[in-house]
Protein backbone atom coordinates (compact mmCIF):
# COMPACT_ATOMS: atom_id res chain seq x y z
CA UNK A 1 122.82 97.75 107.82
CA UNK A 2 123.99 94.14 107.80
CA UNK A 3 123.49 93.82 111.58
CA UNK A 4 119.93 95.14 111.35
CA UNK A 5 119.11 92.76 108.51
CA UNK A 6 120.71 89.83 110.33
CA UNK A 7 118.47 90.49 113.39
CA UNK A 8 115.43 90.32 111.12
CA UNK A 9 116.76 87.21 109.36
CA UNK A 10 117.03 85.35 112.67
CA UNK A 11 113.34 86.01 113.41
CA UNK A 12 111.74 83.31 111.28
CA UNK A 13 112.10 80.41 108.86
CA UNK A 14 114.63 81.09 106.10
CA UNK A 15 112.07 80.60 103.31
CA UNK A 16 109.78 83.28 104.76
CA UNK A 17 112.73 85.58 105.38
CA UNK A 18 113.79 85.31 101.75
CA UNK A 19 110.28 85.74 100.35
CA UNK A 20 109.84 88.97 102.35
CA UNK A 21 112.95 90.35 100.65
CA UNK A 22 111.81 89.82 97.08
CA UNK A 23 110.62 93.11 95.60
CA UNK A 24 108.91 93.96 92.34
CA UNK A 25 110.92 96.78 90.75
CA UNK A 26 110.73 97.74 87.07
CA UNK A 27 108.36 94.80 86.58
CA UNK A 28 111.12 92.43 87.73
CA UNK A 29 111.18 90.30 90.87
CA UNK A 30 114.46 91.21 92.53
CA UNK A 31 116.48 90.97 95.72
CA UNK A 32 118.63 93.87 96.91
CA UNK A 33 122.38 93.65 97.40
CA UNK A 34 122.20 94.42 101.14
CA UNK A 35 119.67 91.66 101.79
CA UNK A 36 121.71 89.17 99.75
CA UNK A 37 124.91 90.14 101.54
CA UNK A 38 123.23 89.50 104.89
CA UNK A 39 121.98 86.10 103.75
CA UNK A 40 125.45 85.15 102.48
CA UNK A 41 127.00 86.65 105.63
CA UNK A 42 129.34 88.94 103.76
CA UNK A 43 129.61 92.72 103.80
CA UNK A 44 127.59 94.42 101.03
CA UNK A 45 130.84 95.92 99.75
CA UNK A 46 132.34 92.43 99.34
CA UNK A 47 129.32 91.23 97.37
CA UNK A 48 129.38 94.26 95.05
CA UNK A 49 133.16 93.95 94.53
CA UNK A 50 132.75 90.28 93.55
CA UNK A 51 130.08 91.27 91.03
CA UNK A 52 132.22 94.07 89.59
CA UNK A 53 135.17 91.69 89.18
CA UNK A 54 132.87 89.36 87.21
CA UNK A 55 130.79 91.96 85.37
CA UNK A 56 130.38 89.91 82.13
CA UNK A 57 128.37 87.36 84.16
CA UNK A 58 125.81 90.04 85.10
CA UNK A 59 124.16 91.64 82.06
CA UNK A 60 121.57 94.38 82.63
CA UNK A 61 118.71 91.88 82.74
CA UNK A 62 120.43 90.07 85.65
CA UNK A 63 121.47 93.13 87.66
CA UNK A 64 120.71 96.85 87.81
CA UNK A 65 121.35 99.66 90.25
CA UNK A 66 118.33 101.44 91.70
CA UNK A 67 117.83 105.05 90.66
CA UNK A 68 117.82 107.62 93.44
CA UNK A 69 114.03 107.98 93.06
CA UNK A 70 113.52 104.21 93.32
CA UNK A 71 115.76 104.02 96.37
CA UNK A 72 114.00 106.95 98.08
CA UNK A 73 110.62 105.39 97.34
CA UNK A 74 111.75 102.01 98.66
CA UNK A 75 113.04 103.54 101.90
CA UNK A 76 109.77 105.43 102.37
CA UNK A 77 107.81 102.16 102.11
CA UNK A 78 109.93 100.38 104.72
CA UNK A 79 108.14 100.48 108.07
CA UNK A 80 111.26 100.10 110.21
CA UNK A 81 114.61 101.52 109.36
CA UNK A 82 117.03 98.75 108.52
CA UNK A 83 119.21 100.80 106.20
CA UNK A 84 121.97 101.31 108.78
CA UNK A 85 122.32 105.07 108.57
CA UNK A 86 123.57 107.08 105.65
CA UNK A 87 124.19 105.10 102.47
CA UNK A 88 126.66 106.44 99.97
CA UNK A 89 125.66 104.18 97.10
CA UNK A 90 122.28 103.04 95.84
CA UNK A 91 121.72 99.28 96.21
CA UNK A 92 121.88 96.86 93.33
CA UNK A 93 118.86 94.76 92.39
CA UNK A 94 119.46 91.15 91.34
CA UNK A 95 116.88 89.32 89.24
CA UNK A 96 116.41 85.60 89.71
CA UNK A 97 119.07 84.97 87.06
CA UNK A 98 121.45 87.40 88.76
CA UNK A 99 121.01 85.63 92.10
CA UNK A 100 121.69 82.29 90.39
CA UNK A 101 124.89 83.72 88.91
CA UNK A 102 126.08 84.79 92.38
CA UNK A 103 126.77 81.18 93.35
CA UNK A 104 129.51 81.09 90.71
CA UNK A 105 131.04 84.30 92.05
CA UNK A 106 130.82 83.71 95.80
CA UNK A 107 132.76 80.54 96.47
CA UNK A 108 131.45 79.06 99.69
CA UNK A 109 129.20 76.25 100.84
CA UNK A 110 126.90 78.81 102.44
CA UNK A 111 126.53 80.64 99.11
CA UNK A 112 125.40 77.43 97.45
CA UNK A 113 122.89 76.63 100.23
CA UNK A 114 121.52 80.17 100.28
CA UNK A 115 121.20 80.21 96.49
CA UNK A 116 119.17 76.99 96.53
CA UNK A 117 116.82 78.49 99.13
CA UNK A 118 116.50 81.73 97.15
CA UNK A 119 115.76 79.90 93.90
CA UNK A 120 112.99 77.98 95.67
CA UNK A 121 111.59 81.25 97.07
CA UNK A 122 111.53 82.84 93.62
CA UNK A 123 109.69 79.85 92.13
CA UNK A 124 107.27 79.05 94.99
CA UNK A 125 105.07 82.18 94.75
CA UNK A 126 104.77 81.74 90.99
CA UNK A 127 103.29 78.31 91.59
CA UNK A 128 100.89 79.49 94.31
CA UNK A 129 99.38 82.69 92.85
CA UNK A 130 99.53 85.20 90.03
CA UNK A 131 100.90 88.07 92.14
CA UNK A 132 104.16 86.29 92.80
CA UNK A 133 104.12 87.30 96.47
CA UNK A 134 106.58 90.14 95.87
CA UNK A 135 106.48 93.50 97.59
CA UNK A 136 105.84 96.07 94.88
CA UNK A 137 107.71 99.33 94.64
CA UNK A 138 105.05 101.82 93.55
CA UNK A 139 104.70 105.50 92.86
CA UNK A 140 107.44 107.94 92.13
CA UNK A 141 107.86 110.28 89.20
CA UNK A 142 108.99 107.60 86.75
CA UNK A 143 106.20 105.13 87.54
CA UNK A 144 108.30 102.15 88.53
């Protein structure tokens, strides 16, 4: 999955790449753990382990795990498969606050630079229009 995402990430300006990976799920603008891991250039497992080691920094309004229905719906809305085969675990969704908290958990210069770019991407669409520029996860039995 990380390789597929990295190929996509190399295909345009970083700001646009980040903005395309902001989703609207449960009425929250979020980024998924796999996309964040690719941006930070770490394995998704490493990112999730760092979060689990620092769980008090990530309350439920900063981070949540997608339900199976949400994940299935998200995959069905993705035009090209970038999920890297069979996934054992559902991805985590980080709100803007959760992404900001990641810079304190991932200790690298790249993490700081990526976080600054992500924070700008979260704020920019709010300034330009009311939709926020996020891709919306729709449908499903629970009406996400």
